[in-house]
N, C-alpha and C. Protein backbone atom coordinates (compact mmCIF):
# COMPACT_ATOMS: atom_id res chain seq x y z
N UNK A 1 -2.20 -3.56 27.34
CA UNK A 1 -1.53 -2.26 27.42
C UNK A 1 -0.30 -2.25 28.28
N UNK A 2 -0.39 -3.08 29.34
CA UNK A 2 0.80 -3.22 30.24
C UNK A 2 1.95 -3.84 29.53
N UNK A 3 1.69 -4.81 28.61
CA UNK A 3 2.80 -5.37 27.84
C UNK A 3 3.47 -4.44 26.96
N UNK A 4 2.64 -3.53 26.34
CA UNK A 4 3.16 -2.47 25.48
C UNK A 4 4.06 -1.55 26.22
N UNK A 5 3.61 -1.07 27.37
CA UNK A 5 4.41 -0.21 28.25
C UNK A 5 5.70 -0.85 28.70
N UNK A 6 5.57 -2.11 29.00
CA UNK A 6 6.78 -2.85 29.42
C UNK A 6 7.78 -2.98 28.25
N UNK A 7 7.27 -3.26 27.03
CA UNK A 7 8.10 -3.28 25.85
C UNK A 7 8.83 -2.02 25.70
N UNK A 8 8.03 -0.92 25.71
CA UNK A 8 8.66 0.42 25.54
C UNK A 8 9.74 0.75 26.54
N UNK A 9 9.49 0.34 27.80
CA UNK A 9 10.43 0.58 28.90
C UNK A 9 11.68 -0.23 28.68
N UNK A 10 11.53 -1.46 28.31
CA UNK A 10 12.73 -2.31 28.06
C UNK A 10 13.55 -1.91 26.83
N UNK A 11 12.88 -1.36 25.86
CA UNK A 11 13.60 -1.00 24.60
C UNK A 11 13.65 0.55 24.45
N UNK A 12 13.68 1.26 25.42
CA UNK A 12 13.63 2.75 25.37
C UNK A 12 14.83 3.34 24.73
N UNK A 13 15.98 2.73 24.76
CA UNK A 13 17.12 3.27 24.12
C UNK A 13 17.03 3.01 22.53
N UNK A 14 16.57 1.91 22.13
CA UNK A 14 16.36 1.66 20.71
C UNK A 14 15.29 2.59 20.18
N UNK A 15 14.23 2.78 20.91
CA UNK A 15 13.16 3.67 20.45
C UNK A 15 13.64 5.13 20.36
N UNK A 16 14.48 5.51 21.30
CA UNK A 16 15.08 6.81 21.29
C UNK A 16 15.96 7.01 20.02
N UNK A 17 16.77 6.02 19.68
CA UNK A 17 17.69 6.00 18.54
C UNK A 17 16.85 6.11 17.24
N UNK A 18 15.74 5.37 17.11
CA UNK A 18 14.93 5.38 15.92
C UNK A 18 14.32 6.73 15.85
N UNK A 19 13.78 7.30 16.94
CA UNK A 19 13.23 8.67 16.81
C UNK A 19 14.19 9.76 16.41
N UNK A 20 15.38 9.72 16.95
CA UNK A 20 16.49 10.63 16.57
C UNK A 20 16.81 10.43 15.11
N UNK A 21 16.90 9.14 14.65
CA UNK A 21 17.19 8.89 13.24
C UNK A 21 16.12 9.46 12.33
N UNK A 22 14.95 9.31 12.71
CA UNK A 22 13.82 9.87 11.90
C UNK A 22 14.00 11.36 11.74
N UNK A 23 14.23 12.09 12.85
CA UNK A 23 14.38 13.53 12.85
C UNK A 23 15.60 13.94 12.00
N UNK A 24 16.73 13.24 12.19
CA UNK A 24 17.89 13.59 11.41
C UNK A 24 17.67 13.25 9.95
N UNK A 25 17.01 12.17 9.59
CA UNK A 25 16.70 11.89 8.20
C UNK A 25 15.87 12.96 7.52
N UNK A 26 14.85 13.39 8.18
CA UNK A 26 14.02 14.48 7.67
C UNK A 26 14.83 15.81 7.51
N UNK A 27 15.71 16.09 8.41
CA UNK A 27 16.46 17.39 8.27
C UNK A 27 17.50 17.20 7.05
N UNK A 28 18.08 16.05 6.94
CA UNK A 28 19.06 15.86 5.89
C UNK A 28 18.33 15.91 4.50
N UNK A 29 17.20 15.12 4.39
CA UNK A 29 16.48 15.10 3.12
C UNK A 29 15.91 16.38 2.72
N UNK A 30 15.45 17.17 3.64
CA UNK A 30 14.92 18.44 3.29
C UNK A 30 15.91 19.46 2.72
N UNK A 31 17.19 19.25 3.02
CA UNK A 31 18.19 20.19 2.53
C UNK A 31 18.90 19.65 1.30
N UNK A 32 18.46 18.62 0.62
CA UNK A 32 19.01 18.08 -0.60
C UNK A 32 18.63 18.93 -1.80
N UNK A 33 19.58 19.47 -2.60
CA UNK A 33 19.23 20.18 -3.80
C UNK A 33 18.54 19.35 -4.84
N UNK A 34 17.75 19.96 -5.60
CA UNK A 34 16.93 19.24 -6.66
C UNK A 34 17.82 18.40 -7.60
N UNK A 35 18.99 18.98 -7.96
CA UNK A 35 19.91 18.21 -8.90
C UNK A 35 20.36 16.91 -8.38
N UNK A 36 20.48 16.80 -7.06
CA UNK A 36 20.92 15.51 -6.45
C UNK A 36 19.83 14.58 -6.20
N UNK A 37 18.57 15.01 -6.39
CA UNK A 37 17.45 14.19 -5.93
C UNK A 37 17.42 12.86 -6.75
N UNK A 38 17.52 12.79 -8.03
CA UNK A 38 17.48 11.63 -8.80
C UNK A 38 18.48 10.52 -8.41
N UNK A 39 19.77 10.96 -8.26
CA UNK A 39 20.70 9.85 -7.90
C UNK A 39 20.41 9.34 -6.47
N UNK A 40 20.10 10.19 -5.58
CA UNK A 40 19.80 9.87 -4.23
C UNK A 40 18.54 8.95 -4.21
N UNK A 41 17.57 9.23 -5.00
CA UNK A 41 16.31 8.47 -4.97
C UNK A 41 16.63 7.01 -5.55
N UNK A 42 17.58 6.92 -6.47
CA UNK A 42 17.89 5.63 -7.01
C UNK A 42 18.57 4.85 -5.97
N UNK A 43 19.42 5.39 -5.20
CA UNK A 43 20.07 4.69 -4.06
C UNK A 43 19.05 4.33 -2.96
N UNK A 44 18.11 5.21 -2.73
CA UNK A 44 17.04 4.88 -1.69
C UNK A 44 16.20 3.72 -2.21
N UNK A 45 15.84 3.70 -3.49
CA UNK A 45 15.11 2.56 -3.97
C UNK A 45 15.82 1.25 -3.85
N UNK A 46 17.13 1.21 -4.04
CA UNK A 46 17.94 0.03 -3.81
C UNK A 46 17.92 -0.44 -2.41
N UNK A 47 18.05 0.54 -1.52
CA UNK A 47 18.10 0.20 -0.02
C UNK A 47 16.71 -0.35 0.35
N UNK A 48 15.67 0.29 -0.16
CA UNK A 48 14.34 -0.15 0.29
C UNK A 48 14.01 -1.50 -0.43
N UNK A 49 14.58 -1.82 -1.47
CA UNK A 49 14.47 -3.22 -1.98
C UNK A 49 15.00 -4.23 -1.01
N UNK A 50 16.13 -3.92 -0.40
CA UNK A 50 16.72 -4.81 0.62
C UNK A 50 15.80 -4.85 1.90
N UNK A 51 15.21 -3.65 2.20
CA UNK A 51 14.29 -3.70 3.37
C UNK A 51 13.10 -4.53 3.10
N UNK A 52 12.53 -4.52 1.87
CA UNK A 52 11.42 -5.38 1.56
C UNK A 52 11.79 -6.88 1.71
N UNK A 53 12.98 -7.22 1.15
CA UNK A 53 13.41 -8.59 1.28
C UNK A 53 13.59 -9.04 2.70
N UNK A 54 14.13 -8.19 3.54
CA UNK A 54 14.33 -8.43 4.98
C UNK A 54 13.01 -8.57 5.69
N UNK A 55 12.03 -7.74 5.29
CA UNK A 55 10.74 -7.84 5.94
C UNK A 55 9.97 -9.11 5.55
N UNK A 56 10.12 -9.60 4.30
CA UNK A 56 9.56 -10.79 3.91
C UNK A 56 10.21 -11.99 4.64
N UNK A 57 11.49 -11.93 4.88
CA UNK A 57 12.22 -12.95 5.71
C UNK A 57 11.64 -12.93 7.13
N UNK A 58 11.53 -11.76 7.74
CA UNK A 58 10.97 -11.64 9.10
C UNK A 58 9.62 -12.28 9.14
N UNK A 59 8.77 -11.91 8.19
CA UNK A 59 7.39 -12.45 8.18
C UNK A 59 7.38 -14.02 8.10
N UNK A 60 8.34 -14.54 7.34
CA UNK A 60 8.45 -15.98 7.21
C UNK A 60 8.85 -16.66 8.50
N UNK A 61 9.58 -15.97 9.38
CA UNK A 61 10.02 -16.54 10.63
C UNK A 61 9.18 -16.02 11.79
N UNK A 62 8.17 -15.35 11.57
CA UNK A 62 7.35 -14.71 12.64
C UNK A 62 6.57 -15.78 13.38
N UNK A 63 6.65 -15.69 14.71
CA UNK A 63 5.97 -16.62 15.59
C UNK A 63 4.86 -15.97 16.34
N UNK A 64 4.91 -14.69 16.32
CA UNK A 64 3.86 -13.94 17.05
C UNK A 64 3.09 -13.02 16.08
N UNK A 65 1.91 -12.68 16.43
CA UNK A 65 1.06 -11.81 15.52
C UNK A 65 1.73 -10.45 15.47
N UNK A 66 2.27 -9.90 16.47
CA UNK A 66 2.89 -8.60 16.39
C UNK A 66 4.08 -8.62 15.39
N UNK A 67 4.94 -9.65 15.41
CA UNK A 67 5.95 -9.76 14.48
C UNK A 67 5.43 -9.85 12.98
N UNK A 68 4.33 -10.57 12.80
CA UNK A 68 3.76 -10.60 11.47
C UNK A 68 3.18 -9.24 11.07
N UNK A 69 2.58 -8.60 11.98
CA UNK A 69 1.97 -7.22 11.60
C UNK A 69 3.20 -6.22 11.32
N UNK A 70 4.20 -6.23 12.08
CA UNK A 70 5.35 -5.36 11.83
C UNK A 70 6.03 -5.75 10.44
N UNK A 71 6.20 -7.01 10.19
CA UNK A 71 6.76 -7.39 8.93
C UNK A 71 5.89 -6.96 7.76
N UNK A 72 4.54 -7.10 7.88
CA UNK A 72 3.72 -6.67 6.84
C UNK A 72 3.75 -5.21 6.66
N UNK A 73 3.72 -4.43 7.70
CA UNK A 73 3.87 -3.01 7.58
C UNK A 73 5.19 -2.58 6.96
N UNK A 74 6.29 -3.22 7.25
CA UNK A 74 7.57 -3.01 6.63
C UNK A 74 7.48 -3.25 5.10
N UNK A 75 6.85 -4.38 4.77
CA UNK A 75 6.70 -4.69 3.30
C UNK A 75 5.85 -3.60 2.66
N UNK A 76 4.80 -3.17 3.24
CA UNK A 76 3.89 -2.24 2.59
C UNK A 76 4.51 -0.84 2.44
N UNK A 77 5.21 -0.40 3.55
CA UNK A 77 5.83 0.89 3.52
C UNK A 77 7.04 0.89 2.57
N UNK A 78 7.78 -0.15 2.62
CA UNK A 78 9.03 -0.22 1.74
C UNK A 78 8.55 -0.25 0.31
N UNK A 79 7.47 -0.97 -0.05
CA UNK A 79 6.94 -1.00 -1.41
C UNK A 79 6.46 0.41 -1.85
N UNK A 80 5.65 1.02 -1.00
CA UNK A 80 5.26 2.40 -1.29
C UNK A 80 6.39 3.32 -1.59
N UNK A 81 7.45 3.24 -0.77
CA UNK A 81 8.60 4.10 -0.95
C UNK A 81 9.28 3.84 -2.34
N UNK A 82 9.42 2.60 -2.61
CA UNK A 82 10.10 2.16 -3.94
C UNK A 82 9.28 2.70 -5.01
N UNK A 83 7.93 2.41 -5.04
CA UNK A 83 7.13 2.80 -6.14
C UNK A 83 7.11 4.35 -6.28
N UNK A 84 6.92 5.04 -5.20
CA UNK A 84 6.93 6.51 -5.13
C UNK A 84 8.26 7.06 -5.64
N UNK A 85 9.42 6.36 -5.25
CA UNK A 85 10.66 6.78 -5.74
C UNK A 85 10.82 6.73 -7.25
N UNK A 86 10.36 5.59 -7.84
CA UNK A 86 10.35 5.44 -9.24
C UNK A 86 9.52 6.43 -9.97
N UNK A 87 8.38 6.75 -9.45
CA UNK A 87 7.42 7.70 -10.04
C UNK A 87 8.10 9.14 -10.02
N UNK A 88 8.65 9.46 -8.93
CA UNK A 88 9.32 10.79 -8.81
C UNK A 88 10.54 10.88 -9.73
N UNK A 89 11.32 9.84 -9.77
CA UNK A 89 12.50 9.78 -10.60
C UNK A 89 12.14 9.96 -12.02
N UNK A 90 11.08 9.25 -12.42
CA UNK A 90 10.54 9.23 -13.85
C UNK A 90 10.11 10.59 -14.24
N UNK A 91 9.38 11.26 -13.34
CA UNK A 91 8.90 12.60 -13.58
C UNK A 91 10.08 13.60 -13.72
N UNK A 92 11.12 13.46 -12.86
CA UNK A 92 12.24 14.39 -12.93
C UNK A 92 13.04 14.15 -14.23
N UNK A 93 13.18 12.91 -14.65
CA UNK A 93 13.84 12.64 -15.90
C UNK A 93 13.14 13.15 -17.11
N UNK A 94 11.81 13.15 -17.10
CA UNK A 94 10.98 13.67 -18.11
C UNK A 94 11.20 15.29 -18.25
N UNK A 95 11.58 15.93 -17.08
CA UNK A 95 11.80 17.36 -17.19
C UNK A 95 13.00 17.68 -18.06
N UNK A 96 14.00 16.83 -18.10
CA UNK A 96 15.18 17.06 -18.88
C UNK A 96 15.10 16.62 -20.27
N UNK A 97 14.06 15.89 -20.73
CA UNK A 97 13.97 15.54 -22.16
C UNK A 97 13.51 16.72 -22.93
N UNK A 98 13.97 16.76 -24.20
CA UNK A 98 13.53 17.81 -25.13
C UNK A 98 12.12 17.48 -25.65
N UNK A 99 11.33 18.49 -25.66
CA UNK A 99 9.98 18.29 -26.17
C UNK A 99 10.04 18.32 -27.72
N UNK A 100 9.19 17.40 -28.25
CA UNK A 100 9.17 17.32 -29.76
C UNK A 100 8.60 18.58 -30.34
N UNK A 101 9.13 18.96 -31.47
CA UNK A 101 8.64 20.08 -32.16
C UNK A 101 7.41 19.72 -32.93
N UNK A 102 6.49 20.70 -32.94
CA UNK A 102 5.22 20.48 -33.67
C UNK A 102 5.22 21.11 -34.99
């Protein structure tokens, strides 16, 4: 527990920046109109593909258990985001297709 508190104390600026980035990201994404969602999701999928590759590289060079766990979490969360993005994009594209006449 003491190691965790020491880590937080040493990296408090970086943790503060990440927390602010999360809040800013939530605010920006919540105000995106539906018409722009599909192009933005495609860009996010590409970015998260890069995140997955980076996380795999981090896991390959991990020397501690915590680095391995963080790399694994990054791979899992990045993969979930990419798959979810493709599912949402596919559903939105189906909304614009014409339905076959019966």
